[in-house]
Amino acid sequence: VDMGAKRLCLFLASALLAYYIYTPIPEDLEEPWKVMLITATFRAVGHLAEVAEQLGLMHYMETLMLITVFEYVAPTSDENVTVTDTEFSNVAVRLYLPRKASDGLRRAVVYFHGGGWSLGHAGMKPYDHLTRWTSNRLNAVVVSVNYRLAPKHHFPTQFEDVYSVTKFFLQSSILSQYGVDPDRVCVAGDSAGGNLAAAVAQQLLKDSEVKTKLKAQALLYPALQTLDLNLPSYRENENKPILPRLLMVKFWSEYFTSDSSLREAMASNRHVPVESSHLFQFVNWSKLLPEELKKDHVYTSPTCGSSELAQKYPGFLDPRAAPLLASDAQLRGLPLTYVLTCEHDVLRDDGVMYAGRLQAVGVPVTHDHAKDAFHGVMMFVLGPAKLAVGYRLLNRYIEWLNENL
């Protein structure tokens, strides 16, 4: 009996593992097994986080944050780049200074990491690799910002941290201290970092104290709007790798509050009060998406929610949190823009709509749409999970910076 029971347990454990790892993967993704393993790992950590939160052991985001702790690398210089952790305007930054001689002033990139405003660190291996590579390939100064995170800090703290670093860095005395050309500075970021980069670029246009203008902004699969969490991309990619819809809803709501009532309202897409319904014009996908992304989706006017949530947490209606809510007049002065979107990503339509709106007001935009990629794919260019598509998109981003900055 004992042997039979062991076999049965082994069989059940294997079946469970296979069920866990096997996820239907979109046909056009390369290296499906790697994608499956990455997805299974993220799902396992997500389940662990849910259990820990239900048992009252740890906040959901704090459990997820453990991944970033394992991925942390200390600031380490190499033959090409000097790397140090320091502070700009009382905010922690990781600074990358190229070692090779420059025949003039250098370019600079101020980079904001992703992680849903709740996770991540400039010192995580993938980010350290990305920013170090940027510095080396472009012979550029790179400032990677460690802004404060939710759940300890909510909007506008994350935005204010990255904004004050950018504003500090753009002072002519600081630029000259690092040998940076004031005409060649860019803000960039991925996911929530792309959101912050877009918001910083918009805010700088309104700030009369800042004399230096950005040359460019690079937004990698950015999150840009909080109003309609039921866009075609949210529907189609509800359960796709890395960023399922409900996790994105969690990230969005946690950015503003740990109060679960906002999360529940966002999950059912009923969080915008009727008095703010005029803002829907800025995210109306039926007018802003190209035909091939509308597919057979039908646009229905969103259901409005109570005014109470918006009064308590006005942040989700603020363009500093949702850059797509800026009017056309506010978008007009924005710098040269790079937008990367991925087909299998809930945030795809945010980036597509923003690229379209910027083009419509005359901002020069390069929009790369990766049909064979999912959210966060550029994080997987190291170690055993090294994805060819991530590497290709990383190269493409660096090339764009090289040509345009």
Protein backbone atom coordinates (compact mmCIF):
# COMPACT_ATOMS: atom_id res chain seq x y z
CA VAL A 1 0.00 0.00 0.00
CA ASP A 2 2.82 2.32 0.97
CA MET A 3 4.45 2.04 -2.47
CA GLY A 4 1.14 2.70 -4.20
CA ALA A 5 0.51 5.76 -2.04
CA LYS A 6 3.98 7.12 -2.83
CA ARG A 7 3.39 6.59 -6.53
CA LEU A 8 0.04 8.28 -6.31
CA CYS A 9 1.56 11.25 -4.47
CA LEU A 10 4.36 11.48 -7.02
CA PHE A 11 1.85 11.33 -9.87
CA LEU A 12 -0.34 14.02 -8.29
CA ALA A 13 2.66 16.23 -7.55
CA SER A 14 3.90 15.87 -11.16
CA ALA A 15 0.44 16.57 -12.53
CA LEU A 16 0.14 19.64 -10.34
CA LEU A 17 3.58 20.87 -11.39
CA ALA A 18 2.78 20.25 -15.07
CA TYR A 19 -0.54 22.08 -14.67
CA TYR A 20 1.27 24.94 -12.97
CA ILE A 21 3.99 25.25 -15.58
CA TYR A 22 1.86 24.60 -18.63
CA THR A 23 0.12 27.78 -19.63
CA PRO A 24 -1.41 28.29 -23.06
CA ILE A 25 1.12 30.57 -24.71
CA PRO A 26 0.24 32.74 -27.74
CA GLU A 27 1.40 30.97 -30.92
CA ASP A 28 3.60 33.81 -32.14
CA LEU A 29 5.83 33.90 -29.05
CA GLU A 30 9.31 32.46 -29.58
CA GLU A 31 10.85 30.08 -27.03
CA PRO A 32 7.46 29.07 -25.53
CA TRP A 33 8.96 26.82 -22.84
CA LYS A 34 11.06 29.64 -21.45
CA VAL A 35 7.99 31.89 -21.41
CA MET A 36 6.01 29.17 -19.63
CA LEU A 37 8.65 28.77 -16.93
CA ILE A 38 8.88 32.54 -16.41
CA THR A 39 5.08 32.76 -16.18
CA ALA A 40 4.88 29.81 -13.74
CA THR A 41 7.50 31.40 -11.50
CA PHE A 42 5.65 34.71 -11.40
CA ARG A 43 2.35 32.95 -10.80
CA ALA A 44 3.80 30.93 -7.92
CA VAL A 45 5.14 34.08 -6.25
CA GLY A 46 1.76 35.76 -6.80
CA HIS A 47 -0.05 32.86 -5.12
CA LEU A 48 2.43 32.92 -2.25
CA ALA A 49 1.81 36.67 -1.86
CA GLU A 50 -1.96 36.12 -1.73
CA VAL A 51 -1.63 33.43 0.94
CA ALA A 52 0.79 35.55 3.02
CA GLU A 53 -1.61 38.50 2.83
CA GLN A 54 -4.67 36.42 3.77
CA LEU A 55 -2.80 35.00 6.77
CA GLY A 56 -1.93 38.54 7.81
CA LEU A 57 1.81 37.83 7.55
CA MET A 58 2.80 40.35 4.91
CA HIS A 59 1.29 42.86 2.48
CA TYR A 60 0.89 41.36 -1.02
CA MET A 61 3.41 43.79 -2.55
CA GLU A 62 5.97 43.15 0.19
CA THR A 63 6.01 39.44 -0.70
CA LEU A 64 6.48 40.28 -4.39
CA MET A 65 9.27 42.64 -3.36
CA LEU A 66 11.25 39.58 -2.20
CA ILE A 67 11.94 38.79 -5.88
CA THR A 68 13.67 42.13 -6.25
CA VAL A 69 15.75 41.49 -3.13
CA PHE A 70 17.09 38.26 -4.66
CA GLU A 71 17.90 40.13 -7.87
CA TYR A 72 19.80 42.96 -6.16
CA VAL A 73 23.41 43.70 -7.13
CA ALA A 74 25.66 46.18 -5.33
CA PRO A 75 26.98 49.15 -7.35
CA THR A 76 29.96 47.63 -9.15
CA SER A 77 32.20 49.54 -11.54
CA ASP A 78 33.82 47.83 -14.53
CA GLU A 79 36.39 48.80 -17.15
CA ASN A 80 33.82 50.87 -19.06
CA VAL A 81 31.57 52.46 -16.44
CA THR A 82 31.96 53.83 -12.91
CA VAL A 83 28.87 52.96 -10.84
CA THR A 84 27.94 54.61 -7.54
CA ASP A 85 24.90 54.88 -5.30
CA THR A 86 24.29 58.48 -4.24
CA GLU A 87 21.46 60.98 -3.71
CA PHE A 88 20.12 63.75 -5.92
CA SER A 89 17.76 66.14 -4.14
CA ASN A 90 17.49 63.69 -1.19
CA VAL A 91 16.32 60.84 -3.45
CA ALA A 92 18.45 57.70 -3.88
CA VAL A 93 19.91 57.24 -7.37
CA ARG A 94 22.37 54.88 -9.01
CA LEU A 95 24.77 56.82 -11.19
CA TYR A 96 26.60 55.43 -14.24
CA LEU A 97 29.54 57.47 -15.53
CA PRO A 98 31.36 56.27 -18.66
CA ARG A 99 35.14 55.91 -18.34
CA LYS A 100 36.14 56.28 -21.96
CA ALA A 101 37.23 59.73 -23.06
CA SER A 102 34.64 61.92 -24.75
CA ASP A 103 35.56 64.41 -27.46
CA GLY A 104 32.84 66.77 -26.23
CA LEU A 105 29.95 66.95 -23.83
CA ARG A 106 28.13 63.68 -23.21
CA ARG A 107 24.50 62.64 -23.58
CA ALA A 108 22.44 61.70 -20.52
CA VAL A 109 19.50 59.44 -19.72
CA VAL A 110 17.43 59.73 -16.53
CA TYR A 111 15.88 56.27 -16.09
CA PHE A 112 12.87 55.18 -13.99
CA HIS A 113 12.44 51.45 -13.31
CA GLY A 114 9.13 49.59 -13.58
CA GLY A 115 7.34 47.47 -10.98
CA GLY A 116 3.87 48.96 -10.63
CA TRP A 117 5.05 51.83 -8.37
CA SER A 118 5.36 49.12 -5.67
CA LEU A 119 8.34 46.98 -6.66
CA GLY A 120 11.74 47.17 -8.24
CA HIS A 121 15.10 48.79 -7.66
CA ALA A 122 17.74 50.46 -9.84
CA GLY A 123 20.10 47.79 -8.46
CA MET A 124 18.13 44.79 -9.74
CA LYS A 125 20.24 42.73 -12.17
CA PRO A 126 18.06 43.44 -15.24
CA TYR A 127 17.97 47.20 -14.55
CA ASP A 128 21.64 47.38 -13.67
CA HIS A 129 22.38 45.58 -16.94
CA LEU A 130 20.08 47.87 -18.96
CA THR A 131 21.40 51.15 -17.54
CA ARG A 132 25.07 50.05 -17.55
CA TRP A 133 24.71 48.97 -21.17
CA THR A 134 23.04 52.29 -22.07
CA SER A 135 25.89 54.20 -20.45
CA ASN A 136 28.55 52.14 -22.19
CA ARG A 137 26.97 51.95 -25.66
CA LEU A 138 26.05 55.66 -25.79
CA ASN A 139 29.02 56.94 -23.80
CA ALA A 140 26.29 58.62 -21.73
CA VAL A 141 25.74 59.58 -18.11
CA VAL A 142 22.82 57.52 -16.75
CA VAL A 143 20.89 58.41 -13.59
CA SER A 144 18.69 55.50 -12.44
CA VAL A 145 16.22 56.64 -9.78
CA ASN A 146 15.22 54.68 -6.67
CA TYR A 147 11.94 56.44 -5.97
CA ARG A 148 9.95 55.47 -2.87
CA LEU A 149 7.40 52.69 -3.33
CA ALA A 150 3.86 51.66 -2.38
CA PRO A 151 2.38 50.39 -0.07
CA LYS A 152 4.46 52.62 2.24
CA HIS A 153 4.15 55.58 -0.10
CA HIS A 154 1.30 56.46 -2.42
CA PHE A 155 0.85 58.95 -5.26
CA PRO A 156 2.19 61.61 -5.66
CA THR A 157 5.36 60.49 -3.77
CA GLN A 158 6.72 58.32 -6.62
CA PHE A 159 6.11 61.09 -9.14
CA GLU A 160 7.58 63.79 -6.87
CA ASP A 161 10.73 61.73 -6.28
CA VAL A 162 11.49 61.21 -9.97
CA TYR A 163 10.51 64.78 -10.78
CA SER A 164 12.78 66.32 -8.17
CA VAL A 165 15.72 64.17 -9.35
CA THR A 166 15.14 65.20 -12.98
CA LYS A 167 14.79 68.86 -12.07
CA PHE A 168 17.93 68.72 -9.92
CA PHE A 169 19.92 67.04 -12.71
CA LEU A 170 18.75 69.56 -15.33
CA GLN A 171 20.35 72.49 -13.47
CA SER A 172 23.17 73.86 -15.60
CA SER A 173 25.67 73.59 -12.72
CA ILE A 174 24.93 69.85 -12.28
CA LEU A 175 24.99 69.14 -16.02
CA SER A 176 28.37 70.83 -16.35
CA GLN A 177 29.69 68.99 -13.26
CA TYR A 178 29.05 65.70 -15.11
CA GLY A 179 30.06 67.02 -18.53
CA VAL A 180 26.54 66.64 -19.96
CA ASP A 181 25.29 68.48 -23.03
CA PRO A 182 22.10 70.35 -21.95
CA ASP A 183 20.65 69.79 -25.44
CA ARG A 184 20.94 65.99 -25.22
CA VAL A 185 19.08 64.79 -22.13
CA CYS A 186 16.37 62.13 -22.23
CA VAL A 187 13.94 60.63 -19.69
CA ALA A 188 13.11 56.95 -20.07
CA GLY A 189 11.38 54.15 -18.22
CA ASP A 190 9.53 50.86 -18.57
CA SER A 191 5.98 50.05 -17.44
CA ALA A 192 5.29 52.15 -14.30
CA GLY A 193 8.64 53.83 -15.04
CA GLY A 194 7.35 54.70 -18.53
CA ASN A 195 4.33 56.24 -16.83
CA LEU A 196 6.64 58.34 -14.63
CA ALA A 197 8.81 59.38 -17.60
CA ALA A 198 5.75 60.55 -19.57
CA ALA A 199 4.45 62.46 -16.53
CA VAL A 200 7.83 64.11 -15.89
CA ALA A 201 8.11 65.21 -19.54
CA GLN A 202 4.63 66.80 -19.34
CA GLN A 203 5.29 68.50 -16.00
CA LEU A 204 8.60 70.02 -17.20
CA LEU A 205 6.70 71.90 -19.91
CA LYS A 206 4.71 73.70 -17.21
CA ASP A 207 7.67 74.44 -14.93
CA SER A 208 9.07 77.92 -15.56
CA GLU A 209 11.98 77.25 -13.20
CA VAL A 210 13.50 74.65 -15.54
CA LYS A 211 15.47 76.24 -18.36
CA THR A 212 16.86 73.03 -19.91
CA LYS A 213 14.48 71.31 -22.32
CA LEU A 214 14.42 67.54 -22.73
CA LYS A 215 15.65 66.27 -26.08
CA ALA A 216 13.65 63.03 -25.93
CA GLN A 217 11.45 60.65 -23.95
CA ALA A 218 11.52 56.87 -24.33
CA LEU A 219 8.50 54.96 -23.01
CA LEU A 220 8.78 51.17 -22.87
CA TYR A 221 5.36 49.45 -22.60
CA PRO A 222 4.11 52.32 -20.41
CA ALA A 223 0.98 52.46 -18.23
CA LEU A 224 -0.69 55.74 -19.17
CA GLN A 225 -4.32 55.82 -18.09
CA THR A 226 -6.49 54.78 -15.15
CA LEU A 227 -9.93 55.53 -16.58
CA ASP A 228 -10.80 52.55 -18.73
CA LEU A 229 -9.38 49.25 -17.49
CA ASN A 230 -11.40 47.36 -20.05
CA LEU A 231 -9.68 48.36 -23.28
CA PRO A 232 -9.32 45.66 -25.97
CA SER A 233 -5.79 44.98 -24.71
CA TYR A 234 -7.08 44.46 -21.16
CA ARG A 235 -9.73 42.06 -22.47
CA GLU A 236 -7.50 40.05 -24.80
CA ASN A 237 -4.57 39.78 -22.42
CA GLU A 238 -6.51 39.30 -19.22
CA ASN A 239 -4.50 36.18 -18.35
CA LYS A 240 -1.33 36.62 -20.39
CA PRO A 241 2.21 36.21 -19.03
CA ILE A 242 3.69 38.45 -16.32
CA LEU A 243 0.95 41.07 -16.05
CA PRO A 244 -2.60 39.66 -15.93
CA ARG A 245 -5.39 42.24 -15.75
CA LEU A 246 -6.12 41.83 -12.04
CA LEU A 247 -2.48 42.33 -11.10
CA MET A 248 -2.41 45.57 -13.13
CA VAL A 249 -5.60 46.67 -11.35
CA LYS A 250 -3.84 45.91 -8.04
CA PHE A 251 -0.82 47.98 -9.06
CA TRP A 252 -2.97 50.89 -10.20
CA SER A 253 -5.13 50.98 -7.07
CA GLU A 254 -2.15 50.49 -4.74
CA TYR A 255 -0.47 53.51 -6.35
CA PHE A 256 -3.25 55.65 -4.81
CA THR A 257 -4.31 53.76 -1.69
CA SER A 258 -4.29 50.43 0.16
CA ASP A 259 -8.07 50.81 0.59
CA SER A 260 -9.52 47.78 -1.19
CA SER A 261 -12.68 49.65 -2.23
CA LEU A 262 -10.77 51.43 -5.00
CA ARG A 263 -9.32 48.13 -6.21
CA GLU A 264 -12.79 46.56 -6.32
CA ALA A 265 -14.24 49.52 -8.21
CA MET A 266 -11.34 49.46 -10.70
CA ALA A 267 -11.68 45.70 -11.18
CA SER A 268 -15.28 46.19 -12.31
CA ASN A 269 -14.31 49.36 -14.23
CA ARG A 270 -16.70 51.53 -12.20
CA HIS A 271 -14.39 53.95 -10.47
CA VAL A 272 -14.76 57.16 -12.50
CA PRO A 273 -17.43 59.56 -11.18
CA VAL A 274 -19.96 61.02 -13.62
CA GLU A 275 -18.56 64.55 -13.15
CA SER A 276 -15.25 63.35 -14.64
CA SER A 277 -16.81 61.53 -17.59
CA HIS A 278 -15.62 64.29 -19.99
CA LEU A 279 -12.12 62.80 -19.54
CA PHE A 280 -13.15 59.62 -21.38
CA GLN A 281 -12.60 61.42 -24.70
CA PHE A 282 -8.84 61.18 -24.07
CA VAL A 283 -8.94 57.39 -23.74
CA ASN A 284 -11.79 56.54 -26.13
CA TRP A 285 -10.25 53.56 -27.90
CA SER A 286 -13.00 53.43 -30.52
CA LYS A 287 -11.59 56.69 -31.89
CA LEU A 288 -7.92 56.37 -30.90
CA LEU A 289 -6.98 52.80 -31.83
CA PRO A 290 -6.14 51.66 -35.37
CA GLU A 291 -8.62 49.24 -36.94
CA GLU A 292 -6.41 46.15 -36.57
CA LEU A 293 -6.41 46.53 -32.77
CA LYS A 294 -10.16 47.14 -32.46
CA LYS A 295 -10.84 43.67 -33.93
CA ASP A 296 -14.42 42.76 -33.08
CA HIS A 297 -14.54 44.59 -29.77
CA VAL A 298 -17.53 46.83 -29.19
CA TYR A 299 -17.10 50.14 -27.40
CA THR A 300 -19.54 50.73 -24.58
CA SER A 301 -19.52 53.92 -22.58
CA PRO A 302 -18.01 53.15 -19.19
CA THR A 303 -20.26 52.81 -16.15
CA CYS A 304 -19.68 55.67 -13.74
CA GLY A 305 -19.03 55.06 -10.08
CA SER A 306 -19.50 57.00 -6.87
CA SER A 307 -17.97 60.45 -6.43
CA GLU A 308 -16.75 59.41 -3.01
CA LEU A 309 -13.75 57.42 -4.27
CA ALA A 310 -12.58 60.25 -6.53
CA GLN A 311 -12.89 62.73 -3.67
CA LYS A 312 -10.87 60.50 -1.36
CA TYR A 313 -8.25 59.50 -3.96
CA PRO A 314 -8.22 62.24 -6.62
CA GLY A 315 -4.87 60.94 -7.89
CA PHE A 316 -6.36 58.53 -10.40
CA LEU A 317 -7.86 61.49 -12.31
CA ASP A 318 -4.57 63.45 -12.26
CA PRO A 319 -2.52 63.64 -15.49
CA ARG A 320 0.63 63.24 -13.36
CA ALA A 321 -0.62 59.70 -12.69
CA ALA A 322 -2.41 59.20 -16.02
CA PRO A 323 -0.53 61.13 -18.74
CA LEU A 324 -3.13 60.25 -21.40
CA LEU A 325 -5.51 62.65 -19.62
CA ALA A 326 -3.47 65.67 -20.75
CA SER A 327 -5.22 67.82 -23.37
CA ASP A 328 -3.87 68.09 -26.92
CA ALA A 329 -2.57 71.58 -26.13
CA GLN A 330 -0.51 70.14 -23.25
CA LEU A 331 0.91 67.37 -25.45
CA ARG A 332 2.00 69.70 -28.23
CA GLY A 333 5.30 70.81 -26.72
CA LEU A 334 6.59 67.34 -25.85
CA PRO A 335 10.01 66.22 -27.09
CA LEU A 336 10.93 63.56 -29.61
CA THR A 337 9.29 60.34 -28.43
CA TYR A 338 9.96 56.61 -28.59
CA VAL A 339 7.11 54.25 -27.63
CA LEU A 340 7.44 50.48 -27.44
CA THR A 341 4.25 48.42 -27.19
CA CYS A 342 3.82 44.63 -27.03
CA GLU A 343 0.93 42.74 -28.59
CA HIS A 344 0.37 40.41 -25.62
CA ASP A 345 0.21 43.11 -22.95
CA VAL A 346 -2.74 44.66 -21.07
CA LEU A 347 -0.96 48.02 -21.42
CA ARG A 348 -0.60 47.77 -25.21
CA ASP A 349 -3.48 50.13 -26.04
CA ASP A 350 -2.27 52.81 -23.59
CA GLY A 351 0.97 53.15 -25.53
CA VAL A 352 -0.72 52.91 -28.94
CA MET A 353 -3.24 55.65 -28.05
CA TYR A 354 -0.52 57.93 -26.66
CA ALA A 355 1.70 57.48 -29.73
CA GLY A 356 -1.32 58.28 -31.93
CA ARG A 357 -2.31 61.36 -29.93
CA LEU A 358 1.26 62.70 -29.96
CA GLN A 359 1.57 62.16 -33.72
CA ALA A 360 -1.77 63.95 -34.23
CA VAL A 361 -0.46 67.11 -32.51
CA GLY A 362 2.81 67.06 -34.44
CA VAL A 363 5.24 65.48 -31.94
CA PRO A 364 7.82 63.32 -33.80
CA VAL A 365 7.14 59.74 -32.63
CA THR A 366 8.81 56.41 -33.30
CA HIS A 367 6.34 53.69 -32.33
CA ASP A 368 7.69 50.13 -32.30
CA HIS A 369 5.01 47.50 -31.90
CA ALA A 370 6.35 44.03 -31.05
CA LYS A 371 3.81 41.48 -32.23
CA ASP A 372 5.73 38.59 -30.66
CA ALA A 373 6.26 40.04 -27.18
CA PHE A 374 4.59 40.33 -23.77
CA HIS A 375 4.82 42.85 -20.95
CA GLY A 376 8.21 43.26 -19.28
CA VAL A 377 10.02 41.24 -21.92
CA MET A 378 13.19 43.38 -21.75
CA MET A 379 13.72 42.20 -18.17
CA PHE A 380 14.55 38.74 -19.47
CA VAL A 381 17.86 39.23 -21.24
CA LEU A 382 20.09 37.67 -18.58
CA GLY A 383 20.60 34.26 -17.01
CA PRO A 384 18.78 31.06 -17.96
CA ALA A 385 15.60 32.92 -18.95
CA LYS A 386 17.43 34.93 -21.62
CA LEU A 387 14.81 35.63 -24.29
CA ALA A 388 15.90 36.45 -27.83
CA VAL A 389 12.97 38.83 -28.32
CA GLY A 390 13.89 40.77 -25.14
CA TYR A 391 17.42 41.16 -26.39
CA ARG A 392 16.23 42.34 -29.79
CA LEU A 393 13.94 44.99 -28.28
CA LEU A 394 16.66 46.16 -25.88
CA ASN A 395 18.98 46.63 -28.85
CA ARG A 396 16.30 48.50 -30.74
CA TYR A 397 15.76 50.92 -27.82
CA ILE A 398 19.50 51.60 -27.50
CA GLU A 399 19.76 52.15 -31.29
CA TRP A 400 16.93 54.66 -31.18
CA LEU A 401 18.62 56.56 -28.35
CA ASN A 402 21.90 56.47 -30.26
CA GLU A 403 20.31 57.92 -33.40
CA ASN A 404 18.09 60.51 -31.71
CA LEU A 405 19.78 61.69 -28.55
